[in-house]
């Protein structure tokens, strides 16, 4: 059975707020885990005690923890500046350490380049090689800490190095490290892929994490993404890994600005989480019933 989780981005970007009521609500709703966004201050030791405290808080409620992160543009792994690439490697290693402190064994996200760092052209062979070499170093550290990196491609408006499943698979095979694997996000795939099912099959040998996100970042089931086909395909490839709902709203404001959310997509984060959970449980039930008649 796939564990179902909820990404915390619609409540926080930094995990500095008091999320006691939110975590309790998610546990009561039935979620198995939370996906915590992790960031730290570049050039400073990470606050491991903070992440340990948050992980323990979730664990007391019966919630597992997974983590997600991204690289600031000035720590980009595809920068021609070797010092910036080294700083990016250091930053990601610290994020791995924070993930371990929180109890996470999967760190997912577009870790391969700086978020929204653009050059106005396709990626070069040098940029590809720089990122692959850097990610191999991060993956080595992650393996030592018992963490698997789940590489998430983004749509063309958020990155230009990895924008589809084929890119991601080629990248993972280039990194060639057991701690570097793939994530799949329905929002980005809905923009970039010809077929969600074909994209999942492309990533199947390396897939360790899935994010379910509606085409407009709202409540799953209230948009255009065919979640029945997505969950059916995941069953076809015998995917048993975690699945998380991801959405974005007008808060926190810095994240809303980064994701261009300028109008409300749902009544409240709680409404989205509750309705999304109920919808996906029903879709999973329907897909299971279909297979029982085959």
C-alpha atoms as a PDB file:
ATOM      1  CA  UNK A   1       0.000   0.000   0.000  1.00  0.00           C
ATOM      2  CA  UNK A   2       1.257   3.449  -0.899  1.00  0.00           C
ATOM      3  CA  UNK A   3       1.497   5.835   2.003  1.00  0.00           C
ATOM      4  CA  UNK A   4      -0.347   9.117   1.385  1.00  0.00           C
ATOM      5  CA  UNK A   5       1.146  12.380   2.606  1.00  0.00           C
ATOM      6  CA  UNK A   6       0.570  16.125   2.478  1.00  0.00           C
ATOM      7  CA  UNK A   7       3.111  18.721   1.450  1.00  0.00           C
ATOM      8  CA  UNK A   8       3.254  21.612   3.930  1.00  0.00           C
ATOM      9  CA  UNK A   9       3.974  24.384   1.408  1.00  0.00           C
ATOM     10  CA  UNK A  10       0.415  25.752   1.646  1.00  0.00           C
ATOM     11  CA  UNK A  11       1.051  26.462   5.328  1.00  0.00           C
ATOM     12  CA  UNK A  12       4.741  27.343   5.443  1.00  0.00           C
ATOM     13  CA  UNK A  13       7.917  27.809   3.485  1.00  0.00           C
ATOM     14  CA  UNK A  14      10.363  27.822   6.389  1.00  0.00           C
ATOM     15  CA  UNK A  15       8.783  25.576   9.039  1.00  0.00           C
ATOM     16  CA  UNK A  16       9.292  28.391  11.557  1.00  0.00           C
ATOM     17  CA  UNK A  17       5.591  28.732  12.380  1.00  0.00           C
ATOM     18  CA  UNK A  18       3.783  26.791  15.116  1.00  0.00           C
ATOM     19  CA  UNK A  19       2.247  23.945  13.122  1.00  0.00           C
ATOM     20  CA  UNK A  20       0.928  21.937  16.069  1.00  0.00           C
ATOM     21  CA  UNK A  21      -2.726  22.284  15.049  1.00  0.00           C
ATOM     22  CA  UNK A  22      -1.929  21.643  11.385  1.00  0.00           C
ATOM     23  CA  UNK A  23       0.001  18.460  12.084  1.00  0.00           C
ATOM     24  CA  UNK A  24      -2.737  17.209  14.403  1.00  0.00           C
ATOM     25  CA  UNK A  25      -5.345  17.972  11.737  1.00  0.00           C
ATOM     26  CA  UNK A  26      -3.425  16.059   9.080  1.00  0.00           C
ATOM     27  CA  UNK A  27      -2.980  13.069  11.380  1.00  0.00           C
ATOM     28  CA  UNK A  28      -6.692  13.091  12.241  1.00  0.00           C
ATOM     29  CA  UNK A  29      -7.604  13.323   8.559  1.00  0.00           C
ATOM     30  CA  UNK A  30      -5.727  10.096   7.929  1.00  0.00           C
ATOM     31  CA  UNK A  31      -2.481  11.127   6.265  1.00  0.00           C
ATOM     32  CA  UNK A  32       0.483   8.841   6.799  1.00  0.00           C
ATOM     33  CA  UNK A  33       3.237  11.432   6.489  1.00  0.00           C
ATOM     34  CA  UNK A  34       4.014  15.088   5.881  1.00  0.00           C
ATOM     35  CA  UNK A  35       6.388  16.506   3.325  1.00  0.00           C
ATOM     36  CA  UNK A  36       8.417  19.228   5.016  1.00  0.00           C
ATOM     37  CA  UNK A  37      10.112  21.988   3.015  1.00  0.00           C
ATOM     38  CA  UNK A  38      13.723  22.265   4.202  1.00  0.00           C
ATOM     39  CA  UNK A  39      15.954  25.284   3.871  1.00  0.00           C
ATOM     40  CA  UNK A  40      18.947  26.563   5.770  1.00  0.00           C
ATOM     41  CA  UNK A  41      21.131  29.656   5.816  1.00  0.00           C
ATOM     42  CA  UNK A  42      23.964  29.346   3.276  1.00  0.00           C
ATOM     43  CA  UNK A  43      27.367  29.586   4.897  1.00  0.00           C
ATOM     44  CA  UNK A  44      26.053  28.920   8.398  1.00  0.00           C
ATOM     45  CA  UNK A  45      25.773  25.641  10.331  1.00  0.00           C
ATOM     46  CA  UNK A  46      22.276  24.152   9.944  1.00  0.00           C
ATOM     47  CA  UNK A  47      19.920  24.206  12.912  1.00  0.00           C
ATOM     48  CA  UNK A  48      19.677  20.442  13.297  1.00  0.00           C
ATOM     49  CA  UNK A  49      17.896  20.780  16.638  1.00  0.00           C
ATOM     50  CA  UNK A  50      15.015  22.557  14.918  1.00  0.00           C
ATOM     51  CA  UNK A  51      14.517  19.744  12.426  1.00  0.00           C
ATOM     52  CA  UNK A  52      14.865  17.076  15.076  1.00  0.00           C
ATOM     53  CA  UNK A  53      12.186  18.830  17.128  1.00  0.00           C
ATOM     54  CA  UNK A  54       9.833  19.037  14.132  1.00  0.00           C
ATOM     55  CA  UNK A  55      10.381  15.397  13.263  1.00  0.00           C
ATOM     56  CA  UNK A  56       9.654  14.316  16.804  1.00  0.00           C
ATOM     57  CA  UNK A  57       6.544  16.481  16.857  1.00  0.00           C
ATOM     58  CA  UNK A  58       5.228  14.719  13.758  1.00  0.00           C
ATOM     59  CA  UNK A  59       6.218  11.293  15.067  1.00  0.00           C
ATOM     60  CA  UNK A  60       4.256  11.775  18.278  1.00  0.00           C
ATOM     61  CA  UNK A  61       1.157  12.167  16.102  1.00  0.00           C
ATOM     62  CA  UNK A  62       1.949   9.049  14.096  1.00  0.00           C
ATOM     63  CA  UNK A  63       3.085  11.007  11.040  1.00  0.00           C
ATOM     64  CA  UNK A  64       6.141  10.053   9.057  1.00  0.00           C
ATOM     65  CA  UNK A  65       8.339  12.750   7.543  1.00  0.00           C
ATOM     66  CA  UNK A  66       9.742  13.282   4.095  1.00  0.00           C
ATOM     67  CA  UNK A  67      11.505  16.413   2.954  1.00  0.00           C
ATOM     68  CA  UNK A  68      11.658  18.611  -0.116  1.00  0.00           C
ATOM     69  CA  UNK A  69      13.967  21.433  -1.071  1.00  0.00           C
ATOM     70  CA  UNK A  70      15.355  23.511  -3.912  1.00  0.00           C
ATOM     71  CA  UNK A  71      18.490  25.478  -4.649  1.00  0.00           C
ATOM     72  CA  UNK A  72      18.568  29.290  -4.591  1.00  0.00           C
ATOM     73  CA  UNK A  73      19.759  30.705  -7.955  1.00  0.00           C
ATOM     74  CA  UNK A  74      23.039  31.905  -6.443  1.00  0.00           C
ATOM     75  CA  UNK A  75      23.927  28.330  -5.417  1.00  0.00           C
ATOM     76  CA  UNK A  76      23.240  26.882  -8.827  1.00  0.00           C
ATOM     77  CA  UNK A  77      24.873  23.573  -9.750  1.00  0.00           C
ATOM     78  CA  UNK A  78      25.010  24.640 -13.407  1.00  0.00           C
ATOM     79  CA  UNK A  79      26.818  27.896 -12.747  1.00  0.00           C
ATOM     80  CA  UNK A  80      30.067  28.415 -14.675  1.00  0.00           C
ATOM     81  CA  UNK A  81      31.478  29.668 -11.367  1.00  0.00           C
ATOM     82  CA  UNK A  82      33.024  26.650  -9.640  1.00  0.00           C
ATOM     83  CA  UNK A  83      32.800  28.400  -6.249  1.00  0.00           C
ATOM     84  CA  UNK A  84      29.027  28.717  -6.621  1.00  0.00           C
ATOM     85  CA  UNK A  85      28.748  25.057  -7.539  1.00  0.00           C
ATOM     86  CA  UNK A  86      30.785  24.098  -4.489  1.00  0.00           C
ATOM     87  CA  UNK A  87      28.537  26.269  -2.322  1.00  0.00           C
ATOM     88  CA  UNK A  88      25.509  24.543  -3.840  1.00  0.00           C
ATOM     89  CA  UNK A  89      26.932  21.123  -3.026  1.00  0.00           C
ATOM     90  CA  UNK A  90      27.604  22.208   0.551  1.00  0.00           C
ATOM     91  CA  UNK A  91      24.084  23.600   0.861  1.00  0.00           C
ATOM     92  CA  UNK A  92      22.463  20.390  -0.383  1.00  0.00           C
ATOM     93  CA  UNK A  93      24.590  18.285   1.949  1.00  0.00           C
ATOM     94  CA  UNK A  94      23.334  20.430   4.839  1.00  0.00           C
ATOM     95  CA  UNK A  95      19.752  19.942   3.646  1.00  0.00           C
ATOM     96  CA  UNK A  96      20.408  16.193   3.693  1.00  0.00           C
ATOM     97  CA  UNK A  97      21.614  16.506   7.282  1.00  0.00           C
ATOM     98  CA  UNK A  98      18.490  18.473   8.223  1.00  0.00           C
ATOM     99  CA  UNK A  99      16.363  15.776   6.591  1.00  0.00           C
ATOM    100  CA  UNK A 100      18.055  13.092   8.651  1.00  0.00           C
ATOM    101  CA  UNK A 101      17.448  15.099  11.828  1.00  0.00           C
ATOM    102  CA  UNK A 102      13.741  15.309  10.950  1.00  0.00           C
ATOM    103  CA  UNK A 103      13.553  11.562  10.344  1.00  0.00           C
ATOM    104  CA  UNK A 104      13.268  11.754   6.559  1.00  0.00           C
ATOM    105  CA  UNK A 105      14.752   9.103   4.292  1.00  0.00           C
ATOM    106  CA  UNK A 106      13.666  10.727   1.018  1.00  0.00           C
ATOM    107  CA  UNK A 107      14.663  14.249  -0.007  1.00  0.00           C
ATOM    108  CA  UNK A 108      12.913  15.324  -3.187  1.00  0.00           C
ATOM    109  CA  UNK A 109      12.900  18.370  -5.383  1.00  0.00           C
ATOM    110  CA  UNK A 110      14.590  20.140  -8.318  1.00  0.00           C
ATOM    111  CA  UNK A 111      17.978  19.807  -6.669  1.00  0.00           C
ATOM    112  CA  UNK A 112      19.889  19.798  -9.955  1.00  0.00           C
ATOM    113  CA  UNK A 113      19.973  23.587 -10.597  1.00  0.00           C
ATOM    114  CA  UNK A 114      19.024  26.914  -9.075  1.00  0.00           C
ATOM    115  CA  UNK A 115      15.270  27.484  -8.978  1.00  0.00           C
ATOM    116  CA  UNK A 116      14.240  29.857 -11.781  1.00  0.00           C
ATOM    117  CA  UNK A 117      17.824  30.388 -12.899  1.00  0.00           C
ATOM    118  CA  UNK A 118      17.543  30.955 -16.655  1.00  0.00           C
ATOM    119  CA  UNK A 119      19.987  31.615 -19.481  1.00  0.00           C
ATOM    120  CA  UNK A 120      17.526  32.215 -22.338  1.00  0.00           C
ATOM    121  CA  UNK A 121      18.788  29.175 -24.255  1.00  0.00           C
ATOM    122  CA  UNK A 122      18.928  25.380 -23.957  1.00  0.00           C
ATOM    123  CA  UNK A 123      21.268  23.836 -21.422  1.00  0.00           C
ATOM    124  CA  UNK A 124      24.819  23.308 -22.616  1.00  0.00           C
ATOM    125  CA  UNK A 125      26.911  20.154 -22.361  1.00  0.00           C
ATOM    126  CA  UNK A 126      29.043  21.886 -19.727  1.00  0.00           C
ATOM    127  CA  UNK A 127      26.002  22.768 -17.608  1.00  0.00           C
ATOM    128  CA  UNK A 128      24.802  19.180 -17.790  1.00  0.00           C
ATOM    129  CA  UNK A 129      28.214  17.838 -16.795  1.00  0.00           C
ATOM    130  CA  UNK A 130      28.595  20.326 -13.941  1.00  0.00           C
ATOM    131  CA  UNK A 131      25.241  19.359 -12.479  1.00  0.00           C
ATOM    132  CA  UNK A 132      25.832  15.618 -12.865  1.00  0.00           C
ATOM    133  CA  UNK A 133      29.243  15.825 -11.209  1.00  0.00           C
ATOM    134  CA  UNK A 134      27.881  17.960  -8.371  1.00  0.00           C
ATOM    135  CA  UNK A 135      24.870  15.720  -7.800  1.00  0.00           C
ATOM    136  CA  UNK A 136      27.088  12.662  -7.596  1.00  0.00           C
ATOM    137  CA  UNK A 137      28.930  14.308  -4.704  1.00  0.00           C
ATOM    138  CA  UNK A 138      25.645  15.132  -2.958  1.00  0.00           C
ATOM    139  CA  UNK A 139      24.352  11.593  -3.552  1.00  0.00           C
ATOM    140  CA  UNK A 140      27.493  10.126  -1.985  1.00  0.00           C
ATOM    141  CA  UNK A 141      26.843  12.136   1.176  1.00  0.00           C
ATOM    142  CA  UNK A 142      23.141  11.248   1.099  1.00  0.00           C
ATOM    143  CA  UNK A 143      23.932   7.542   0.895  1.00  0.00           C
ATOM    144  CA  UNK A 144      26.245   7.827   3.890  1.00  0.00           C
ATOM    145  CA  UNK A 145      23.353   9.408   5.820  1.00  0.00           C
ATOM    146  CA  UNK A 146      20.759   6.865   4.676  1.00  0.00           C
ATOM    147  CA  UNK A 147      18.868   9.331   2.460  1.00  0.00           C
ATOM    148  CA  UNK A 148      17.686   8.886  -1.121  1.00  0.00           C
ATOM    149  CA  UNK A 149      17.540  11.937  -3.386  1.00  0.00           C
ATOM    150  CA  UNK A 150      14.408  12.043  -5.569  1.00  0.00           C
ATOM    151  CA  UNK A 151      15.069  14.305  -8.554  1.00  0.00           C
ATOM    152  CA  UNK A 152      12.020  16.262  -9.715  1.00  0.00           C
ATOM    153  CA  UNK A 153      11.892  17.822 -13.173  1.00  0.00           C
ATOM    154  CA  UNK A 154      10.099  21.155 -13.454  1.00  0.00           C
ATOM    155  CA  UNK A 155       8.207  22.785 -16.280  1.00  0.00           C
ATOM    156  CA  UNK A 156       9.954  25.116 -18.745  1.00  0.00           C
ATOM    157  CA  UNK A 157       8.845  28.222 -16.841  1.00  0.00           C
ATOM    158  CA  UNK A 158      10.770  27.172 -13.719  1.00  0.00           C
ATOM    159  CA  UNK A 159      13.939  25.569 -15.079  1.00  0.00           C
ATOM    160  CA  UNK A 160      15.675  24.666 -18.308  1.00  0.00           C
ATOM    161  CA  UNK A 161      17.925  21.711 -17.419  1.00  0.00           C
ATOM    162  CA  UNK A 162      15.383  18.956 -16.635  1.00  0.00           C
ATOM    163  CA  UNK A 163      11.829  19.538 -17.847  1.00  0.00           C
ATOM    164  CA  UNK A 164      10.468  16.056 -18.577  1.00  0.00           C
ATOM    165  CA  UNK A 165      10.671  12.410 -17.569  1.00  0.00           C
ATOM    166  CA  UNK A 166      13.101  11.529 -20.361  1.00  0.00           C
ATOM    167  CA  UNK A 167      15.488  14.269 -19.175  1.00  0.00           C
ATOM    168  CA  UNK A 168      15.230  13.039 -15.605  1.00  0.00           C
ATOM    169  CA  UNK A 169      15.928   9.422 -16.492  1.00  0.00           C
ATOM    170  CA  UNK A 170      18.938  10.376 -18.606  1.00  0.00           C
ATOM    171  CA  UNK A 171      20.222  12.537 -15.739  1.00  0.00           C
ATOM    172  CA  UNK A 172      19.847   9.798 -13.126  1.00  0.00           C
ATOM    173  CA  UNK A 173      21.638   7.336 -15.376  1.00  0.00           C
ATOM    174  CA  UNK A 174      24.415   9.878 -15.888  1.00  0.00           C
ATOM    175  CA  UNK A 175      24.814  10.492 -12.140  1.00  0.00           C
ATOM    176  CA  UNK A 176      24.885   6.710 -11.772  1.00  0.00           C
ATOM    177  CA  UNK A 177      24.563   6.556  -8.008  1.00  0.00           C
ATOM    178  CA  UNK A 178      22.106   4.402  -6.004  1.00  0.00           C
ATOM    179  CA  UNK A 179      21.141   7.358  -3.795  1.00  0.00           C
ATOM    180  CA  UNK A 180      20.019   9.440  -6.793  1.00  0.00           C
ATOM    181  CA  UNK A 181      16.557   8.442  -7.980  1.00  0.00           C
ATOM    182  CA  UNK A 182      13.424   9.999  -9.518  1.00  0.00           C
ATOM    183  CA  UNK A 183      10.318  11.842  -8.418  1.00  0.00           C
ATOM    184  CA  UNK A 184       7.213  12.456 -10.547  1.00  0.00           C
ATOM    185  CA  UNK A 185       4.955  15.508 -10.226  1.00  0.00           C
ATOM    186  CA  UNK A 186       1.644  15.612 -12.097  1.00  0.00           C
ATOM    187  CA  UNK A 187       1.588  19.432 -12.294  1.00  0.00           C
ATOM    188  CA  UNK A 188       4.805  19.711 -14.268  1.00  0.00           C
ATOM    189  CA  UNK A 189       4.057  16.578 -16.281  1.00  0.00           C
ATOM    190  CA  UNK A 190       0.645  17.965 -17.241  1.00  0.00           C
ATOM    191  CA  UNK A 191       2.486  20.841 -18.950  1.00  0.00           C
ATOM    192  CA  UNK A 192       5.468  19.034 -20.448  1.00  0.00           C
ATOM    193  CA  UNK A 193       4.526  15.431 -21.223  1.00  0.00           C
ATOM    194  CA  UNK A 194       2.624  13.956 -24.163  1.00  0.00           C
ATOM    195  CA  UNK A 195       1.257  11.255 -21.848  1.00  0.00           C
ATOM    196  CA  UNK A 196       1.304  11.029 -18.066  1.00  0.00           C
ATOM    197  CA  UNK A 197       1.271   7.240 -18.273  1.00  0.00           C
ATOM    198  CA  UNK A 198       4.227   7.120 -20.650  1.00  0.00           C
ATOM    199  CA  UNK A 199       6.160   9.499 -18.410  1.00  0.00           C
ATOM    200  CA  UNK A 200       5.572   7.256 -15.396  1.00  0.00           C
ATOM    201  CA  UNK A 201       6.735   4.212 -17.369  1.00  0.00           C
ATOM    202  CA  UNK A 202       9.864   6.122 -18.401  1.00  0.00           C
ATOM    203  CA  UNK A 203      10.739   6.792 -14.757  1.00  0.00           C
ATOM    204  CA  UNK A 204       9.554   3.410 -13.445  1.00  0.00           C
ATOM    205  CA  UNK A 205      12.992   1.816 -12.828  1.00  0.00           C
ATOM    206  CA  UNK A 206      14.040   4.761 -10.670  1.00  0.00           C
ATOM    207  CA  UNK A 207      10.790   6.121  -9.226  1.00  0.00           C
ATOM    208  CA  UNK A 208      10.795   6.572  -5.424  1.00  0.00           C
ATOM    209  CA  UNK A 209       8.408   9.478  -4.882  1.00  0.00           C
ATOM    210  CA  UNK A 210       5.235  10.895  -6.452  1.00  0.00           C
ATOM    211  CA  UNK A 211       3.541  14.255  -5.978  1.00  0.00           C
ATOM    212  CA  UNK A 212      -0.085  14.592  -7.007  1.00  0.00           C
ATOM    213  CA  UNK A 213      -0.901  18.177  -7.913  1.00  0.00           C
ATOM    214  CA  UNK A 214      -3.835  19.549  -9.877  1.00  0.00           C
ATOM    215  CA  UNK A 215      -3.224  21.433 -13.128  1.00  0.00           C
ATOM    216  CA  UNK A 216      -3.981  24.776 -11.420  1.00  0.00           C
ATOM    217  CA  UNK A 217      -2.347  23.789  -8.094  1.00  0.00           C
ATOM    218  CA  UNK A 218      -5.756  23.504  -6.438  1.00  0.00           C
ATOM    219  CA  UNK A 219      -7.651  20.589  -4.844  1.00  0.00           C
ATOM    220  CA  UNK A 220      -6.929  17.255  -6.553  1.00  0.00           C
ATOM    221  CA  UNK A 221     -10.025  16.152  -8.422  1.00  0.00           C
ATOM    222  CA  UNK A 222     -11.282  19.641  -9.198  1.00  0.00           C
ATOM    223  CA  UNK A 223      -9.209  20.218 -12.331  1.00  0.00           C
ATOM    224  CA  UNK A 224      -8.062  18.478 -15.478  1.00  0.00           C
ATOM    225  CA  UNK A 225      -5.484  15.924 -14.306  1.00  0.00           C
ATOM    226  CA  UNK A 226      -6.664  12.327 -14.772  1.00  0.00           C
ATOM    227  CA  UNK A 227      -5.685  10.984 -11.366  1.00  0.00           C
ATOM    228  CA  UNK A 228      -7.378   7.670 -12.076  1.00  0.00           C
ATOM    229  CA  UNK A 229      -4.984   7.102 -14.958  1.00  0.00           C
ATOM    230  CA  UNK A 230      -2.023   8.232 -12.850  1.00  0.00           C
ATOM    231  CA  UNK A 231      -2.831   5.914  -9.953  1.00  0.00           C
ATOM    232  CA  UNK A 232      -3.710   3.117 -12.358  1.00  0.00           C
ATOM    233  CA  UNK A 233      -0.352   3.450 -14.095  1.00  0.00           C
ATOM    234  CA  UNK A 234       1.457   3.493 -10.760  1.00  0.00           C
ATOM    235  CA  UNK A 235      -0.317   0.216  -9.945  1.00  0.00           C
ATOM    236  CA  UNK A 236       0.670  -1.177 -13.352  1.00  0.00           C
ATOM    237  CA  UNK A 237       4.365  -0.612 -12.612  1.00  0.00           C
ATOM    238  CA  UNK A 238       3.930  -1.986  -9.055  1.00  0.00           C
ATOM    239  CA  UNK A 239       4.921   1.317  -7.491  1.00  0.00           C
ATOM    240  CA  UNK A 240       4.729   0.937  -3.718  1.00  0.00           C
ATOM    241  CA  UNK A 241       6.428   4.180  -2.701  1.00  0.00           C
ATOM    242  CA  UNK A 242       5.029   7.301  -1.056  1.00  0.00           C
ATOM    243  CA  UNK A 243       2.535   9.651  -2.701  1.00  0.00           C
ATOM    244  CA  UNK A 244       2.064  13.250  -1.527  1.00  0.00           C
ATOM    245  CA  UNK A 245      -0.492  15.920  -2.346  1.00  0.00           C
ATOM    246  CA  UNK A 246       1.157  19.209  -3.299  1.00  0.00           C
ATOM    247  CA  UNK A 247      -0.648  22.521  -3.761  1.00  0.00           C
ATOM    248  CA  UNK A 248       0.098  26.223  -3.551  1.00  0.00           C
ATOM    249  CA  UNK A 249      -2.029  29.123  -2.356  1.00  0.00           C
ATOM    250  CA  UNK A 250      -1.866  32.860  -1.627  1.00  0.00           C
ATOM    251  CA  UNK A 251       0.155  32.214   1.535  1.00  0.00           C
ATOM    252  CA  UNK A 252       2.948  32.270   2.430  1.00  0.00           C
ATOM    253  CA  UNK A 253       3.296  35.384   0.250  1.00  0.00           C
ATOM    254  CA  UNK A 254       6.906  34.782  -0.808  1.00  0.00           C
ATOM    255  CA  UNK A 255       5.968  31.333  -2.107  1.00  0.00           C
ATOM    256  CA  UNK A 256       2.822  32.644  -3.785  1.00  0.00           C
ATOM    257  CA  UNK A 257       4.981  35.162  -5.622  1.00  0.00           C
ATOM    258  CA  UNK A 258       7.467  32.480  -6.683  1.00  0.00           C
ATOM    259  CA  UNK A 259       4.722  30.174  -7.970  1.00  0.00           C
ATOM    260  CA  UNK A 260       2.581  32.985  -9.456  1.00  0.00           C
ATOM    261  CA  UNK A 261      -0.518  32.238  -7.400  1.00  0.00           C
ATOM    262  CA  UNK A 262      -2.500  35.462  -7.682  1.00  0.00           C
ATOM    263  CA  UNK A 263      -6.021  34.248  -6.973  1.00  0.00           C
ATOM    264  CA  UNK A 264      -7.401  31.805  -4.402  1.00  0.00           C
ATOM    265  CA  UNK A 265      -7.729  28.251  -5.677  1.00  0.00           C
ATOM    266  CA  UNK A 266      -9.397  26.768  -2.609  1.00  0.00           C
ATOM    267  CA  UNK A 267     -11.289  27.814   0.502  1.00  0.00           C
ATOM    268  CA  UNK A 268      -8.538  26.958   2.961  1.00  0.00           C
ATOM    269  CA  UNK A 269      -5.516  24.669   3.197  1.00  0.00           C
ATOM    270  CA  UNK A 270      -7.540  22.400   5.463  1.00  0.00           C
ATOM    271  CA  UNK A 271     -10.354  22.145   2.901  1.00  0.00           C
ATOM    272  CA  UNK A 272      -7.852  21.242   0.189  1.00  0.00           C
ATOM    273  CA  UNK A 273      -6.139  18.613   2.316  1.00  0.00           C
ATOM    274  CA  UNK A 274      -9.392  17.046   3.506  1.00  0.00           C
ATOM    275  CA  UNK A 275     -11.095  17.000   0.102  1.00  0.00           C
ATOM    276  CA  UNK A 276      -7.923  15.897  -1.664  1.00  0.00           C
ATOM    277  CA  UNK A 277      -7.475  13.021   0.763  1.00  0.00           C
ATOM    278  CA  UNK A 278     -11.082  11.886   0.378  1.00  0.00           C
ATOM    279  CA  UNK A 279     -10.946  12.129  -3.413  1.00  0.00           C
ATOM    280  CA  UNK A 280      -7.708  10.179  -3.758  1.00  0.00           C
ATOM    281  CA  UNK A 281      -8.858   7.450  -1.406  1.00  0.00           C
ATOM    282  CA  UNK A 282     -11.968   7.030  -3.568  1.00  0.00           C
ATOM    283  CA  UNK A 283      -9.896   6.939  -6.765  1.00  0.00           C
ATOM    284  CA  UNK A 284      -7.598   4.329  -5.230  1.00  0.00           C
ATOM    285  CA  UNK A 285     -10.641   2.260  -4.265  1.00  0.00           C
ATOM    286  CA  UNK A 286     -12.073   2.484  -7.778  1.00  0.00           C
ATOM    287  CA  UNK A 287      -8.777   1.474  -9.358  1.00  0.00           C
ATOM    288  CA  UNK A 288      -8.499  -1.495  -7.008  1.00  0.00           C
ATOM    289  CA  UNK A 289     -12.037  -2.597  -7.872  1.00  0.00           C
ATOM    290  CA  UNK A 290     -11.261  -2.381 -11.600  1.00  0.00           C
ATOM    291  CA  UNK A 291      -8.325  -4.729 -11.150  1.00  0.00           C
ATOM    292  CA  UNK A 292     -10.360  -7.205  -9.131  1.00  0.00           C
ATOM    293  CA  UNK A 293     -12.589  -7.763 -12.172  1.00  0.00           C
ATOM    294  CA  UNK A 294      -9.734  -8.299 -14.620  1.00  0.00           C
END
